[in-house]
């Protein structure tokens, strides 16, 4: 098997980026659920969560 120089590093960086996207998505879902539980409609809650409110 031929090893491509820098491939492992690039692959690990890609995995890290995908993991961060997944964590952010989960955090947004959790925050939206918290806001809707407080009586805020879903669309408003989504915008607020994306803005960090």
N, C-alpha and C. Protein backbone atom coordinates (compact mmCIF):
# COMPACT_ATOMS: atom_id res chain seq x y z
N UNK A 1 0.84 -1.19 0.00
CA UNK A 1 0.00 0.00 0.00
C UNK A 1 0.88 1.25 0.00
N UNK A 2 0.55 2.17 -0.82
CA UNK A 2 1.31 3.41 -0.93
C UNK A 2 0.70 4.45 0.00
N UNK A 3 1.56 5.09 0.78
CA UNK A 3 1.06 6.13 1.68
C UNK A 3 1.21 7.49 1.01
N UNK A 4 0.14 8.23 0.99
CA UNK A 4 0.16 9.56 0.38
C UNK A 4 0.56 10.55 1.48
N UNK A 5 1.60 11.31 1.21
CA UNK A 5 2.12 12.24 2.21
C UNK A 5 1.05 13.28 2.57
N UNK A 6 0.78 13.41 3.86
CA UNK A 6 -0.19 14.39 4.34
C UNK A 6 -1.63 13.90 4.33
N UNK A 7 -1.87 12.71 3.80
CA UNK A 7 -3.25 12.22 3.71
C UNK A 7 -3.86 12.01 5.09
N UNK A 8 -3.11 11.37 5.99
CA UNK A 8 -3.64 11.10 7.33
C UNK A 8 -4.01 12.38 8.06
N UNK A 9 -3.17 13.37 7.94
CA UNK A 9 -3.43 14.65 8.60
C UNK A 9 -4.68 15.31 8.01
N UNK A 10 -4.79 15.29 6.71
CA UNK A 10 -5.96 15.88 6.04
C UNK A 10 -7.23 15.13 6.43
N UNK A 11 -7.14 13.81 6.47
CA UNK A 11 -8.29 12.99 6.84
C UNK A 11 -8.72 13.25 8.28
N UNK A 12 -7.75 13.33 9.18
CA UNK A 12 -8.07 13.62 10.59
C UNK A 12 -8.69 15.01 10.74
N UNK A 13 -8.20 15.98 9.98
CA UNK A 13 -8.79 17.33 10.02
C UNK A 13 -10.23 17.30 9.52
N UNK A 14 -10.47 16.53 8.46
CA UNK A 14 -11.83 16.41 7.94
C UNK A 14 -12.76 15.79 8.98
N UNK A 15 -12.28 14.74 9.66
CA UNK A 15 -13.09 14.10 10.70
C UNK A 15 -13.39 15.07 11.84
N UNK A 16 -12.39 15.86 12.21
CA UNK A 16 -12.59 16.84 13.28
C UNK A 16 -13.63 17.88 12.89
N UNK A 17 -13.58 18.34 11.65
CA UNK A 17 -14.55 19.33 11.17
C UNK A 17 -15.96 18.74 11.18
N UNK A 18 -16.11 17.51 10.71
CA UNK A 18 -17.42 16.85 10.69
C UNK A 18 -17.95 16.65 12.11
N UNK A 19 -17.08 16.30 13.03
CA UNK A 19 -17.48 16.12 14.42
C UNK A 19 -17.95 17.44 15.03
N UNK A 20 -17.25 18.52 14.74
CA UNK A 20 -17.65 19.83 15.27
C UNK A 20 -19.00 20.25 14.70
N UNK A 21 -19.25 19.97 13.42
CA UNK A 21 -20.55 20.28 12.82
C UNK A 21 -21.66 19.51 13.52
N UNK A 22 -21.40 18.24 13.80
CA UNK A 22 -22.40 17.40 14.45
C UNK A 22 -22.68 17.89 15.87
N UNK A 23 -21.65 18.28 16.61
CA UNK A 23 -21.81 18.79 17.97
C UNK A 23 -22.61 20.09 17.95
N UNK A 24 -22.29 20.98 17.00
CA UNK A 24 -23.01 22.25 16.90
C UNK A 24 -24.49 22.02 16.59
N UNK A 25 -24.75 21.08 15.68
CA UNK A 25 -26.13 20.76 15.31
C UNK A 25 -26.91 20.22 16.52
N UNK A 26 -26.28 19.36 17.29
CA UNK A 26 -26.92 18.80 18.49
C UNK A 26 -27.19 19.89 19.52
N UNK A 27 -26.23 20.81 19.68
CA UNK A 27 -26.40 21.90 20.64
C UNK A 27 -27.56 22.81 20.21
N UNK A 28 -27.67 23.08 18.90
CA UNK A 28 -28.78 23.89 18.40
C UNK A 28 -30.11 23.21 18.66
N UNK A 29 -30.18 21.90 18.40
CA UNK A 29 -31.42 21.15 18.64
C UNK A 29 -31.82 21.24 20.10
N UNK A 30 -30.83 21.07 20.98
CA UNK A 30 -31.10 21.11 22.42
C UNK A 30 -31.61 22.49 22.83
N UNK A 31 -30.98 23.55 22.32
CA UNK A 31 -31.38 24.92 22.66
C UNK A 31 -32.78 25.23 22.11
N UNK A 32 -33.07 24.78 20.90
CA UNK A 32 -34.40 24.98 20.31
C UNK A 32 -35.45 24.30 21.18
N UNK A 33 -35.16 23.09 21.64
CA UNK A 33 -36.09 22.36 22.51
C UNK A 33 -36.32 23.12 23.81
N UNK A 34 -35.25 23.68 24.39
CA UNK A 34 -35.39 24.46 25.63
C UNK A 34 -36.28 25.68 25.41
N UNK A 35 -36.06 26.38 24.30
CA UNK A 35 -36.83 27.59 24.04
C UNK A 35 -38.30 27.28 23.74
N UNK A 36 -38.56 26.20 22.99
CA UNK A 36 -39.96 25.85 22.71
C UNK A 36 -40.66 25.40 23.98
N UNK A 37 -39.90 24.80 24.89
CA UNK A 37 -40.47 24.40 26.18
C UNK A 37 -40.91 25.63 26.98
N UNK A 38 -40.22 26.75 26.77
CA UNK A 38 -40.55 27.99 27.47
C UNK A 38 -41.71 28.73 26.81
N UNK A 39 -42.24 28.18 25.71
CA UNK A 39 -43.41 28.77 25.08
C UNK A 39 -43.12 29.60 23.85
N UNK A 40 -41.90 29.55 23.36
CA UNK A 40 -41.54 30.30 22.15
C UNK A 40 -41.79 29.39 20.95
N UNK A 41 -42.38 29.96 19.87
CA UNK A 41 -42.67 29.10 18.71
C UNK A 41 -41.37 28.62 18.07
N UNK A 42 -41.46 27.52 17.34
CA UNK A 42 -40.28 26.80 16.84
C UNK A 42 -39.40 27.64 15.92
N UNK A 43 -39.99 28.39 15.01
CA UNK A 43 -39.20 29.20 14.07
C UNK A 43 -38.43 30.30 14.79
N UNK A 44 -39.08 30.97 15.73
CA UNK A 44 -38.41 32.01 16.51
C UNK A 44 -37.30 31.40 17.35
N UNK A 45 -37.57 30.24 17.95
CA UNK A 45 -36.59 29.55 18.78
C UNK A 45 -35.36 29.18 17.93
N UNK A 46 -35.58 28.75 16.69
CA UNK A 46 -34.48 28.38 15.81
C UNK A 46 -33.58 29.57 15.55
N UNK A 47 -34.19 30.71 15.23
CA UNK A 47 -33.41 31.92 14.96
C UNK A 47 -32.66 32.36 16.22
N UNK A 48 -33.32 32.32 17.36
CA UNK A 48 -32.68 32.71 18.61
C UNK A 48 -31.50 31.80 18.93
N UNK A 49 -31.67 30.51 18.73
CA UNK A 49 -30.58 29.56 19.02
C UNK A 49 -29.39 29.79 18.09
N UNK A 50 -29.66 30.06 16.83
CA UNK A 50 -28.58 30.31 15.87
C UNK A 50 -27.82 31.60 16.20
N UNK A 51 -28.52 32.56 16.77
CA UNK A 51 -27.89 33.83 17.15
C UNK A 51 -27.20 33.76 18.50
N UNK A 52 -27.46 32.70 19.24
CA UNK A 52 -26.82 32.54 20.55
C UNK A 52 -27.62 33.15 21.68
N UNK A 53 -28.88 33.39 21.49
CA UNK A 53 -29.72 33.95 22.56
C UNK A 53 -30.36 32.86 23.37
